[in-house]
Amino acid sequence: MDVETETVKLEQIVMKWFPDMLPFLNQKELNSMIILRDGLTILEPEDALEIIQLSICEHQNSHFLH
């Protein structure tokens, strides 16, 4: 059984489900590459929100480590 993956920028996820969040994300966050196991077309809004939240946390953590 092959698993189809799709790599997208976080910006694509934000634009599709939560475009109103766009001003609150910096360009580095928006350019983050996200690998989706089943692709963008079947991603659910609650999963999209979780991905956005995790990406923000990851960028904040890496910022503090420098």
PDB file of N, CA and C in Angstrom:
ATOM      1  N   MET A   1       0.843  -1.188   0.000  1.00  0.00           N
ATOM      2  CA  MET A   1       0.000   0.000   0.000  1.00  0.00           C
ATOM      3  C   MET A   1       0.882   1.243   0.000  1.00  0.00           C
ATOM      4  N   ASP A   2       0.818   2.017  -1.059  1.00  0.00           N
ATOM      5  CA  ASP A   2       1.594   3.243  -1.174  1.00  0.00           C
ATOM      6  C   ASP A   2       0.858   4.392  -0.499  1.00  0.00           C
ATOM      7  N   VAL A   3       1.618   5.193   0.225  1.00  0.00           N
ATOM      8  CA  VAL A   3       1.055   6.373   0.850  1.00  0.00           C
ATOM      9  C   VAL A   3       1.405   7.566  -0.026  1.00  0.00           C
ATOM     10  N   GLU A   4       0.393   8.283  -0.457  1.00  0.00           N
ATOM     11  CA  GLU A   4       0.613   9.473  -1.275  1.00  0.00           C
ATOM     12  C   GLU A   4       0.916  10.655  -0.361  1.00  0.00           C
ATOM     13  N   THR A   5       1.988  11.368  -0.654  1.00  0.00           N
ATOM     14  CA  THR A   5       2.303  12.563   0.118  1.00  0.00           C
ATOM     15  C   THR A   5       2.348  13.763  -0.819  1.00  0.00           C
ATOM     16  N   GLU A   6       2.164  14.917  -0.225  1.00  0.00           N
ATOM     17  CA  GLU A   6       2.241  16.171  -0.973  1.00  0.00           C
ATOM     18  C   GLU A   6       2.965  17.176  -0.093  1.00  0.00           C
ATOM     19  N   THR A   7       3.921  17.869  -0.666  1.00  0.00           N
ATOM     20  CA  THR A   7       4.644  18.897   0.066  1.00  0.00           C
ATOM     21  C   THR A   7       4.120  20.261  -0.363  1.00  0.00           C
ATOM     22  N   VAL A   8       3.714  21.049   0.630  1.00  0.00           N
ATOM     23  CA  VAL A   8       3.154  22.374   0.361  1.00  0.00           C
ATOM     24  C   VAL A   8       3.788  23.368   1.321  1.00  0.00           C
ATOM     25  N   LYS A   9       3.680  24.632   0.986  1.00  0.00           N
ATOM     26  CA  LYS A   9       4.091  25.680   1.918  1.00  0.00           C
ATOM     27  C   LYS A   9       2.956  25.912   2.917  1.00  0.00           C
ATOM     28  N   LEU A  10       3.333  26.285   4.123  1.00  0.00           N
ATOM     29  CA  LEU A  10       2.325  26.597   5.136  1.00  0.00           C
ATOM     30  C   LEU A  10       1.373  27.667   4.610  1.00  0.00           C
ATOM     31  N   GLU A  11       1.891  28.583   3.815  1.00  0.00           N
ATOM     32  CA  GLU A  11       1.068  29.656   3.249  1.00  0.00           C
ATOM     33  C   GLU A  11      -0.132  29.098   2.474  1.00  0.00           C
ATOM     34  N   GLN A  12       0.065  27.993   1.759  1.00  0.00           N
ATOM     35  CA  GLN A  12      -1.033  27.394   0.992  1.00  0.00           C
ATOM     36  C   GLN A  12      -2.137  26.895   1.923  1.00  0.00           C
ATOM     37  N   ILE A  13      -1.735  26.322   3.056  1.00  0.00           N
ATOM     38  CA  ILE A  13      -2.707  25.824   4.029  1.00  0.00           C
ATOM     39  C   ILE A  13      -3.468  27.000   4.646  1.00  0.00           C
ATOM     40  N   VAL A  14      -2.730  28.038   5.023  1.00  0.00           N
ATOM     41  CA  VAL A  14      -3.351  29.222   5.626  1.00  0.00           C
ATOM     42  C   VAL A  14      -4.327  29.863   4.642  1.00  0.00           C
ATOM     43  N   MET A  15      -3.916  30.025   3.400  1.00  0.00           N
ATOM     44  CA  MET A  15      -4.768  30.677   2.398  1.00  0.00           C
ATOM     45  C   MET A  15      -6.051  29.883   2.126  1.00  0.00           C
ATOM     46  N   LYS A  16      -5.958  28.567   2.206  1.00  0.00           N
ATOM     47  CA  LYS A  16      -7.126  27.737   1.895  1.00  0.00           C
ATOM     48  C   LYS A  16      -8.157  27.756   3.022  1.00  0.00           C
ATOM     49  N   TRP A  17      -7.714  27.695   4.271  1.00  0.00           N
ATOM     50  CA  TRP A  17      -8.664  27.549   5.379  1.00  0.00           C
ATOM     51  C   TRP A  17      -8.768  28.764   6.295  1.00  0.00           C
ATOM     52  N   PHE A  18      -7.662  29.461   6.508  1.00  0.00           N
ATOM     53  CA  PHE A  18      -7.671  30.561   7.484  1.00  0.00           C
ATOM     54  C   PHE A  18      -6.950  31.792   6.945  1.00  0.00           C
ATOM     55  N   PRO A  19      -7.413  32.359   5.825  1.00  0.00           N
ATOM     56  CA  PRO A  19      -6.712  33.504   5.226  1.00  0.00           C
ATOM     57  C   PRO A  19      -6.646  34.721   6.152  1.00  0.00           C
ATOM     58  N   ASP A  20      -7.580  34.807   7.100  1.00  0.00           N
ATOM     59  CA  ASP A  20      -7.557  35.928   8.040  1.00  0.00           C
ATOM     60  C   ASP A  20      -6.361  35.860   8.996  1.00  0.00           C
ATOM     61  N   MET A  21      -5.694  34.702   9.077  1.00  0.00           N
ATOM     62  CA  MET A  21      -4.512  34.552   9.931  1.00  0.00           C
ATOM     63  C   MET A  21      -3.230  35.020   9.236  1.00  0.00           C
ATOM     64  N   LEU A  22      -3.297  35.250   7.953  1.00  0.00           N
ATOM     65  CA  LEU A  22      -2.117  35.599   7.164  1.00  0.00           C
ATOM     66  C   LEU A  22      -1.289  36.745   7.758  1.00  0.00           C
ATOM     67  N   PRO A  23      -1.908  37.847   8.203  1.00  0.00           N
ATOM     68  CA  PRO A  23      -1.116  38.959   8.737  1.00  0.00           C
ATOM     69  C   PRO A  23      -0.361  38.620  10.032  1.00  0.00           C
ATOM     70  N   PHE A  24      -0.751  37.549  10.699  1.00  0.00           N
ATOM     71  CA  PHE A  24      -0.148  37.205  11.979  1.00  0.00           C
ATOM     72  C   PHE A  24       1.046  36.263  11.852  1.00  0.00           C
ATOM     73  N   LEU A  25       1.333  35.830  10.639  1.00  0.00           N
ATOM     74  CA  LEU A  25       2.447  34.918  10.402  1.00  0.00           C
ATOM     75  C   LEU A  25       3.552  35.640   9.649  1.00  0.00           C
ATOM     76  N   ASN A  26       4.792  35.367  10.026  1.00  0.00           N
ATOM     77  CA  ASN A  26       5.889  36.006   9.300  1.00  0.00           C
ATOM     78  C   ASN A  26       6.247  35.182   8.056  1.00  0.00           C
ATOM     79  N   GLN A  27       7.072  35.758   7.214  1.00  0.00           N
ATOM     80  CA  GLN A  27       7.383  35.117   5.939  1.00  0.00           C
ATOM     81  C   GLN A  27       8.103  33.794   6.117  1.00  0.00           C
ATOM     82  N   LYS A  28       8.948  33.701   7.132  1.00  0.00           N
ATOM     83  CA  LYS A  28       9.660  32.445   7.385  1.00  0.00           C
ATOM     84  C   LYS A  28       8.668  31.335   7.734  1.00  0.00           C
ATOM     85  N   GLU A  29       7.683  31.661   8.555  1.00  0.00           N
ATOM     86  CA  GLU A  29       6.646  30.676   8.898  1.00  0.00           C
ATOM     87  C   GLU A  29       5.844  30.295   7.662  1.00  0.00           C
ATOM     88  N   LEU A  30       5.456  31.278   6.879  1.00  0.00           N
ATOM     89  CA  LEU A  30       4.646  31.020   5.687  1.00  0.00           C
ATOM     90  C   LEU A  30       5.385  30.183   4.653  1.00  0.00           C
ATOM     91  N   ASN A  31       6.712  30.305   4.616  1.00  0.00           N
ATOM     92  CA  ASN A  31       7.511  29.551   3.654  1.00  0.00           C
ATOM     93  C   ASN A  31       7.870  28.152   4.143  1.00  0.00           C
ATOM     94  N   SER A  32       7.469  27.808   5.360  1.00  0.00           N
ATOM     95  CA  SER A  32       7.751  26.479   5.901  1.00  0.00           C
ATOM     96  C   SER A  32       7.153  25.414   4.994  1.00  0.00           C
ATOM     97  N   MET A  33       7.950  24.384   4.734  1.00  0.00           N
ATOM     98  CA  MET A  33       7.475  23.283   3.908  1.00  0.00           C
ATOM     99  C   MET A  33       6.810  22.247   4.808  1.00  0.00           C
ATOM    100  N   ILE A  34       5.597  21.873   4.448  1.00  0.00           N
ATOM    101  CA  ILE A  34       4.797  20.922   5.210  1.00  0.00           C
ATOM    102  C   ILE A  34       4.537  19.708   4.327  1.00  0.00           C
ATOM    103  N   ILE A  35       4.812  18.527   4.863  1.00  0.00           N
ATOM    104  CA  ILE A  35       4.536  17.291   4.123  1.00  0.00           C
ATOM    105  C   ILE A  35       3.210  16.740   4.622  1.00  0.00           C
ATOM    106  N   LEU A  36       2.263  16.637   3.709  1.00  0.00           N
ATOM    107  CA  LEU A  36       0.932  16.123   4.042  1.00  0.00           C
ATOM    108  C   LEU A  36       0.833  14.678   3.575  1.00  0.00           C
ATOM    109  N   ARG A  37       0.457  13.814   4.480  1.00  0.00           N
ATOM    110  CA  ARG A  37       0.404  12.385   4.163  1.00  0.00           C
ATOM    111  C   ARG A  37      -0.591  12.093   3.041  1.00  0.00           C
ATOM    112  N   ASP A  38      -1.763  12.716   3.092  1.00  0.00           N
ATOM    113  CA  ASP A  38      -2.782  12.408   2.093  1.00  0.00           C
ATOM    114  C   ASP A  38      -3.086  13.565   1.155  1.00  0.00           C
ATOM    115  N   GLY A  39      -2.279  14.595   1.204  1.00  0.00           N
ATOM    116  CA  GLY A  39      -2.447  15.705   0.278  1.00  0.00           C
ATOM    117  C   GLY A  39      -3.349  16.811   0.792  1.00  0.00           C
ATOM    118  N   LEU A  40      -3.245  17.946   0.134  1.00  0.00           N
ATOM    119  CA  LEU A  40      -3.951  19.164   0.519  1.00  0.00           C
ATOM    120  C   LEU A  40      -5.463  19.057   0.318  1.00  0.00           C
ATOM    121  N   THR A  41      -5.891  18.319  -0.678  1.00  0.00           N
ATOM    122  CA  THR A  41      -7.311  18.317  -1.038  1.00  0.00           C
ATOM    123  C   THR A  41      -8.199  17.694   0.031  1.00  0.00           C
ATOM    124  N   ILE A  42      -7.677  16.731   0.812  1.00  0.00           N
ATOM    125  CA  ILE A  42      -8.533  16.104   1.820  1.00  0.00           C
ATOM    126  C   ILE A  42      -8.188  16.534   3.240  1.00  0.00           C
ATOM    127  N   LEU A  43      -7.308  17.526   3.370  1.00  0.00           N
ATOM    128  CA  LEU A  43      -6.961  18.044   4.688  1.00  0.00           C
ATOM    129  C   LEU A  43      -8.173  18.721   5.310  1.00  0.00           C
ATOM    130  N   GLU A  44      -8.490  18.349   6.536  1.00  0.00           N
ATOM    131  CA  GLU A  44      -9.637  18.910   7.247  1.00  0.00           C
ATOM    132  C   GLU A  44      -9.242  20.228   7.926  1.00  0.00           C
ATOM    133  N   PRO A  45     -10.193  21.157   8.098  1.00  0.00           N
ATOM    134  CA  PRO A  45      -9.885  22.449   8.721  1.00  0.00           C
ATOM    135  C   PRO A  45      -9.246  22.322  10.108  1.00  0.00           C
ATOM    136  N   GLU A  46      -9.735  21.386  10.924  1.00  0.00           N
ATOM    137  CA  GLU A  46      -9.146  21.247  12.264  1.00  0.00           C
ATOM    138  C   GLU A  46      -7.704  20.745  12.196  1.00  0.00           C
ATOM    139  N   ASP A  47      -7.395  19.905  11.213  1.00  0.00           N
ATOM    140  CA  ASP A  47      -6.016  19.449  11.015  1.00  0.00           C
ATOM    141  C   ASP A  47      -5.148  20.594  10.498  1.00  0.00           C
ATOM    142  N   ALA A  48      -5.716  21.406   9.613  1.00  0.00           N
ATOM    143  CA  ALA A  48      -4.994  22.561   9.088  1.00  0.00           C
ATOM    144  C   ALA A  48      -4.633  23.517  10.214  1.00  0.00           C
ATOM    145  N   LEU A  49      -5.572  23.763  11.115  1.00  0.00           N
ATOM    146  CA  LEU A  49      -5.322  24.653  12.241  1.00  0.00           C
ATOM    147  C   LEU A  49      -4.225  24.096  13.148  1.00  0.00           C
ATOM    148  N   GLU A  50      -4.235  22.801  13.374  1.00  0.00           N
ATOM    149  CA  GLU A  50      -3.202  22.170  14.202  1.00  0.00           C
ATOM    150  C   GLU A  50      -1.825  22.313  13.550  1.00  0.00           C
ATOM    151  N   ILE A  51      -1.748  22.132  12.258  1.00  0.00           N
ATOM    152  CA  ILE A  51      -0.482  22.286  11.536  1.00  0.00           C
ATOM    153  C   ILE A  51       0.026  23.717  11.664  1.00  0.00           C
ATOM    154  N   ILE A  52      -0.857  24.691  11.517  1.00  0.00           N
ATOM    155  CA  ILE A  52      -0.477  26.103  11.635  1.00  0.00           C
ATOM    156  C   ILE A  52       0.045  26.383  13.040  1.00  0.00           C
ATOM    157  N   GLN A  53      -0.674  25.908  14.054  1.00  0.00           N
ATOM    158  CA  GLN A  53      -0.257  26.130  15.437  1.00  0.00           C
ATOM    159  C   GLN A  53       1.097  25.493  15.728  1.00  0.00           C
ATOM    160  N   LEU A  54       1.288  24.268  15.277  1.00  0.00           N
ATOM    161  CA  LEU A  54       2.559  23.580  15.513  1.00  0.00           C
ATOM    162  C   LEU A  54       3.715  24.275  14.798  1.00  0.00           C
ATOM    163  N   SER A  55       3.457  24.769  13.619  1.00  0.00           N
ATOM    164  CA  SER A  55       4.498  25.472  12.867  1.00  0.00           C
ATOM    165  C   SER A  55       4.914  26.751  13.585  1.00  0.00           C
ATOM    166  N   ILE A  56       3.945  27.494  14.095  1.00  0.00           N
ATOM    167  CA  ILE A  56       4.246  28.724  14.840  1.00  0.00           C
ATOM    168  C   ILE A  56       5.087  28.386  16.068  1.00  0.00           C
ATOM    169  N   CYS A  57       4.683  27.358  16.807  1.00  0.00           N
ATOM    170  CA  CYS A  57       5.432  26.944  18.009  1.00  0.00           C
ATOM    171  C   CYS A  57       6.851  26.536  17.650  1.00  0.00           C
ATOM    172  N   GLU A  58       6.999  25.789  16.569  1.00  0.00           N
ATOM    173  CA  GLU A  58       8.325  25.336  16.147  1.00  0.00           C
ATOM    174  C   GLU A  58       9.226  26.521  15.816  1.00  0.00           C
ATOM    175  N   HIS A  59       8.693  27.504  15.133  1.00  0.00           N
ATOM    176  CA  HIS A  59       9.489  28.681  14.770  1.00  0.00           C
ATOM    177  C   HIS A  59       9.826  29.513  15.998  1.00  0.00           C
ATOM    178  N   GLN A  60       8.925  29.613  16.938  1.00  0.00           N
ATOM    179  CA  GLN A  60       9.205  30.340  18.167  1.00  0.00           C
ATOM    180  C   GLN A  60      10.290  29.628  18.963  1.00  0.00           C
ATOM    181  N   ASN A  61      10.216  28.302  19.046  1.00  0.00           N
ATOM    182  CA  ASN A  61      11.223  27.542  19.775  1.00  0.00           C
ATOM    183  C   ASN A  61      12.590  27.661  19.129  1.00  0.00           C
ATOM    184  N   SER A  62      12.655  27.586  17.808  1.00  0.00           N
ATOM    185  CA  SER A  62      13.953  27.688  17.136  1.00  0.00           C
ATOM    186  C   SER A  62      14.517  29.103  17.273  1.00  0.00           C
ATOM    187  N   HIS A  63      13.636  30.091  17.368  1.00  0.00           N
ATOM    188  CA  HIS A  63      14.082  31.467  17.556  1.00  0.00           C
ATOM    189  C   HIS A  63      14.754  31.638  18.923  1.00  0.00           C
ATOM    190  N   PHE A  64      14.185  31.006  19.930  1.00  0.00           N
ATOM    191  CA  PHE A  64      14.745  31.128  21.279  1.00  0.00           C
ATOM    192  C   PHE A  64      16.047  30.346  21.429  1.00  0.00           C
ATOM    193  N   LEU A  65      16.254  29.342  20.601  1.00  0.00           N
ATOM    194  CA  LEU A  65      17.459  28.526  20.700  1.00  0.00           C
ATOM    195  C   LEU A  65      18.686  29.218  20.102  1.00  0.00           C
ATOM    196  N   HIS A  66      18.474  30.226  19.280  1.00  0.00           N
ATOM    197  CA  HIS A  66      19.607  30.901  18.642  1.00  0.00           C
ATOM    198  C   HIS A  66      20.251  31.914  19.541  1.00  0.00           C
TER     199      HIS A  66
END
